[in-house]
C-alpha cells in the first residue's frame, strides 16, 4: 500500500482553501506557495 500524503491549505479563519491528494514531495512546495500567492492576491 505505501504512504499516501495529503496537504491542506487552511486560511486564518480555519477554512480549508485547497486540498492536495497523493502529494509527491518533489515540487510540492512550489504548488503550495503558488496557491498561497493566488489566495492572497500577490504575484511575487
N, C-alpha and C. Protein backbone atom coordinates (compact mmCIF):
# COMPACT_ATOMS: atom_id res chain seq x y z
N UNK A 1 0.82 -1.20 0.00
CA UNK A 1 0.00 0.00 0.00
C UNK A 1 0.86 1.26 0.00
N UNK A 2 1.81 1.37 0.90
CA UNK A 2 2.65 2.56 0.95
C UNK A 2 2.01 3.70 1.71
N UNK A 3 2.59 4.85 1.54
CA UNK A 3 2.12 6.05 2.23
C UNK A 3 1.45 6.97 1.22
N UNK A 4 0.29 7.50 1.60
CA UNK A 4 -0.39 8.49 0.77
C UNK A 4 -0.44 9.79 1.56
N UNK A 5 0.20 10.82 1.01
CA UNK A 5 0.25 12.12 1.69
C UNK A 5 -0.84 13.03 1.16
N UNK A 6 -1.41 13.83 2.06
CA UNK A 6 -2.39 14.84 1.70
C UNK A 6 -2.01 16.12 2.41
N UNK A 7 -2.10 17.24 1.69
CA UNK A 7 -1.82 18.55 2.29
C UNK A 7 -3.08 19.40 2.23
N UNK A 8 -3.23 20.27 3.22
CA UNK A 8 -4.37 21.17 3.29
C UNK A 8 -3.87 22.59 3.44
N UNK A 9 -4.48 23.52 2.71
CA UNK A 9 -4.22 24.94 2.88
C UNK A 9 -5.41 25.52 3.63
N UNK A 10 -5.15 25.99 4.86
CA UNK A 10 -6.21 26.48 5.75
C UNK A 10 -5.96 27.96 6.00
N UNK A 11 -6.98 28.78 5.80
CA UNK A 11 -6.81 30.22 5.99
C UNK A 11 -6.90 30.60 7.47
N UNK A 12 -6.74 31.88 7.74
CA UNK A 12 -6.74 32.38 9.11
C UNK A 12 -8.06 32.20 9.85
N UNK A 13 -9.14 31.99 9.09
CA UNK A 13 -10.46 31.76 9.70
C UNK A 13 -10.75 30.28 9.90
N UNK A 14 -9.78 29.43 9.54
CA UNK A 14 -9.96 27.99 9.70
C UNK A 14 -10.68 27.30 8.55
N UNK A 15 -10.81 28.00 7.42
CA UNK A 15 -11.49 27.45 6.26
C UNK A 15 -10.47 26.75 5.37
N UNK A 16 -10.76 25.53 4.97
CA UNK A 16 -9.89 24.80 4.05
C UNK A 16 -10.05 25.41 2.67
N UNK A 17 -8.96 25.94 2.14
CA UNK A 17 -8.99 26.60 0.84
C UNK A 17 -8.52 25.72 -0.30
N UNK A 18 -7.69 24.73 0.00
CA UNK A 18 -7.19 23.84 -1.06
C UNK A 18 -6.74 22.54 -0.42
N UNK A 19 -6.94 21.45 -1.16
CA UNK A 19 -6.51 20.12 -0.73
C UNK A 19 -5.70 19.51 -1.86
N UNK A 20 -4.55 18.99 -1.50
CA UNK A 20 -3.71 18.25 -2.45
C UNK A 20 -3.71 16.80 -1.99
N UNK A 21 -4.18 15.90 -2.85
CA UNK A 21 -4.18 14.47 -2.57
C UNK A 21 -3.01 13.80 -3.28
N UNK A 22 -2.54 12.70 -2.71
CA UNK A 22 -1.44 11.93 -3.30
C UNK A 22 -0.24 12.81 -3.62
N UNK A 23 0.19 13.58 -2.63
CA UNK A 23 1.28 14.54 -2.78
C UNK A 23 2.61 13.83 -3.00
N UNK A 24 3.35 14.34 -3.96
CA UNK A 24 4.74 13.94 -4.16
C UNK A 24 5.60 15.06 -3.59
N UNK A 25 6.62 14.74 -2.84
CA UNK A 25 7.44 15.73 -2.16
C UNK A 25 8.10 16.69 -3.15
N UNK A 26 8.70 16.14 -4.21
CA UNK A 26 9.39 16.97 -5.18
C UNK A 26 8.43 17.94 -5.85
N UNK A 27 8.72 19.23 -5.73
CA UNK A 27 7.92 20.25 -6.38
C UNK A 27 6.67 20.68 -5.64
N UNK A 28 6.34 20.01 -4.56
CA UNK A 28 5.09 20.32 -3.85
C UNK A 28 5.10 21.72 -3.25
N UNK A 29 6.24 22.14 -2.71
CA UNK A 29 6.30 23.45 -2.07
C UNK A 29 5.98 24.57 -3.06
N UNK A 30 6.39 24.42 -4.31
CA UNK A 30 6.08 25.43 -5.32
C UNK A 30 4.58 25.52 -5.55
N UNK A 31 3.91 24.38 -5.57
CA UNK A 31 2.44 24.37 -5.73
C UNK A 31 1.76 25.06 -4.55
N UNK A 32 2.23 24.79 -3.35
CA UNK A 32 1.64 25.38 -2.15
C UNK A 32 1.87 26.90 -2.15
N UNK A 33 3.09 27.33 -2.41
CA UNK A 33 3.38 28.76 -2.43
C UNK A 33 2.58 29.48 -3.51
N UNK A 34 2.41 28.86 -4.65
CA UNK A 34 1.61 29.44 -5.72
C UNK A 34 0.15 29.62 -5.28
N UNK A 35 -0.40 28.63 -4.62
CA UNK A 35 -1.78 28.72 -4.14
C UNK A 35 -1.93 29.80 -3.08
N UNK A 36 -0.93 29.93 -2.20
CA UNK A 36 -0.97 30.98 -1.18
C UNK A 36 -0.95 32.36 -1.83
N UNK A 37 -0.06 32.52 -2.81
CA UNK A 37 0.03 33.81 -3.52
C UNK A 37 -1.28 34.12 -4.23
N UNK A 38 -1.87 33.13 -4.86
CA UNK A 38 -3.13 33.32 -5.57
C UNK A 38 -4.25 33.76 -4.61
N UNK A 39 -4.32 33.11 -3.47
CA UNK A 39 -5.36 33.46 -2.50
C UNK A 39 -5.13 34.83 -1.86
N UNK A 40 -3.87 35.20 -1.71
CA UNK A 40 -3.57 36.49 -1.08
C UNK A 40 -3.56 37.63 -2.08
N UNK A 41 -3.63 37.31 -3.36
CA UNK A 41 -3.63 38.33 -4.39
C UNK A 41 -2.26 38.87 -4.73
N UNK A 42 -1.21 38.19 -4.27
CA UNK A 42 0.16 38.63 -4.53
C UNK A 42 0.70 37.87 -5.73
N UNK A 43 1.54 38.54 -6.52
CA UNK A 43 2.10 37.92 -7.71
C UNK A 43 3.55 37.51 -7.53
N UNK A 44 4.21 38.02 -6.52
CA UNK A 44 5.63 37.70 -6.32
C UNK A 44 5.83 36.65 -5.25
